[in-house]
C-alpha cells in the first residue's frame, strides 16, 4: 500500500469547514473515489495544536496515485485552489510504503 501525507495549518474559524472538505464525505474523498485503486483517507488533528491537521491518503500503489493525479489534474487543481482559502500553510510531508497493517 502507498501512502501520501500532507500537513495543513488551518485558519482560525475554518476548522469545521476544513474537516468537512477533507473528511470522509468531503470533496477530496469524493474525487479520489472515482478511482477504484484508492483505499481511503485518514484525517488527523494534532493534539495541543488544534489548527494543525494531517491527511493520510492510501492507494494500492504509487503508480495508481500518479495515474489518478494525471487523469484528474484539472479537478484536483480546482479543489486545491478552493481549499487554499481555509489554510495558512500546506506541506507535503512525504510518500510512504506501508510495510504492515494491523
Protein backbone atom coordinates (compact mmCIF):
# COMPACT_ATOMS: atom_id res chain seq x y z
CA UNK A 1 0.00 0.00 0.00
CA UNK A 2 1.22 3.50 -0.93
CA UNK A 3 0.56 6.44 1.41
CA UNK A 4 0.98 10.16 0.84
CA UNK A 5 0.94 12.57 3.82
CA UNK A 6 0.06 16.26 3.83
CA UNK A 7 0.14 18.74 6.73
CA UNK A 8 -2.12 21.78 6.90
CA UNK A 9 -2.39 24.70 9.28
CA UNK A 10 -5.99 25.85 9.18
CA UNK A 11 -7.06 29.48 9.57
CA UNK A 12 -8.84 30.23 12.84
CA UNK A 13 -12.58 29.73 12.43
CA UNK A 14 -12.21 27.47 9.38
CA UNK A 15 -11.75 24.19 11.24
CA UNK A 16 -15.28 22.85 10.72
CA UNK A 17 -15.29 23.63 7.00
CA UNK A 18 -11.81 22.16 6.60
CA UNK A 19 -12.91 18.96 8.35
CA UNK A 20 -15.94 18.71 6.05
CA UNK A 21 -13.86 19.22 2.89
CA UNK A 22 -11.10 16.79 3.90
CA UNK A 23 -13.19 14.32 5.93
CA UNK A 24 -14.80 11.01 4.89
CA UNK A 25 -17.62 12.60 2.87
CA UNK A 26 -15.73 15.67 1.68
CA UNK A 27 -14.93 16.85 -1.79
CA UNK A 28 -11.44 15.32 -1.79
CA UNK A 29 -12.65 11.84 -0.92
CA UNK A 30 -15.44 12.11 -3.48
CA UNK A 31 -12.84 12.88 -6.14
CA UNK A 32 -10.47 10.12 -5.03
CA UNK A 33 -13.28 7.55 -5.05
CA UNK A 34 -13.51 7.90 -8.83
CA UNK A 35 -10.53 5.54 -8.92
CA UNK A 36 -11.10 2.06 -7.52
CA UNK A 37 -7.42 1.82 -6.56
CA UNK A 38 -7.98 4.48 -3.88
CA UNK A 39 -8.11 2.80 -0.48
CA UNK A 40 -9.09 5.62 1.87
CA UNK A 41 -8.11 8.79 3.71
CA UNK A 42 -7.48 9.44 7.37
CA UNK A 43 -7.82 12.98 8.68
CA UNK A 44 -5.74 13.60 11.80
CA UNK A 45 -5.77 16.64 14.11
CA UNK A 46 -2.69 17.40 16.20
CA UNK A 47 -3.10 17.32 19.97
CA UNK A 48 -2.23 20.66 21.53
CA UNK A 49 -2.23 22.44 18.16
CA UNK A 50 -5.89 22.23 17.15
CA UNK A 51 -5.38 24.06 13.87
CA UNK A 52 -2.79 21.58 12.52
CA UNK A 53 -4.08 18.61 10.53
CA UNK A 54 -2.52 15.76 8.58
CA UNK A 55 -4.17 13.82 5.77
CA UNK A 56 -3.08 10.27 5.04
CA UNK A 57 -4.25 9.16 1.59
CA UNK A 58 -3.92 5.45 0.87
CA UNK A 59 -3.61 3.95 -2.62
CA UNK A 60 -2.87 0.46 -3.76
CA UNK A 61 0.35 1.68 -5.45
CA UNK A 62 2.33 4.78 -6.24
CA UNK A 63 1.58 4.23 -9.92
CA UNK A 64 -2.16 4.27 -9.18
CA UNK A 65 -1.80 7.59 -7.34
CA UNK A 66 0.27 9.14 -10.11
CA UNK A 67 -2.12 7.95 -12.83
CA UNK A 68 -5.04 9.36 -10.84
CA UNK A 69 -3.25 12.73 -10.46
CA UNK A 70 -2.66 12.85 -14.21
CA UNK A 71 -6.18 11.83 -15.19
CA UNK A 72 -7.92 14.17 -12.75
CA UNK A 73 -5.40 17.04 -12.73
CA UNK A 74 -7.95 19.74 -13.57
CA UNK A 75 -10.43 18.64 -10.88
CA UNK A 76 -7.61 18.21 -8.34
CA UNK A 77 -6.31 21.72 -9.01
CA UNK A 78 -9.81 23.21 -8.79
CA UNK A 79 -10.48 21.70 -5.35
CA UNK A 80 -6.96 22.56 -4.17
CA UNK A 81 -7.38 26.22 -5.12
CA UNK A 82 -10.77 26.38 -3.39
CA UNK A 83 -9.42 24.79 -0.20
CA UNK A 84 -6.37 27.09 -0.03
CA UNK A 85 -8.71 29.74 1.38
CA UNK A 86 -9.06 27.58 4.51
CA UNK A 87 -5.36 27.26 5.34
CA UNK A 88 -2.31 29.34 6.14
CA UNK A 89 0.18 26.62 5.20
CA UNK A 90 0.19 23.34 3.31
CA UNK A 91 3.18 21.00 3.29
CA UNK A 92 3.72 17.65 1.60
CA UNK A 93 5.30 15.52 4.33
CA UNK A 94 6.21 12.68 2.01
CA UNK A 95 5.30 9.41 0.35
CA UNK A 96 5.48 6.06 2.12
CA UNK A 97 5.08 2.34 1.63
CA UNK A 98 3.04 0.57 4.31
CA UNK A 99 5.01 -2.45 5.49
CA UNK A 100 2.19 -3.98 7.52
CA UNK A 101 -1.35 -3.30 8.63
CA UNK A 102 -2.81 -4.30 11.96
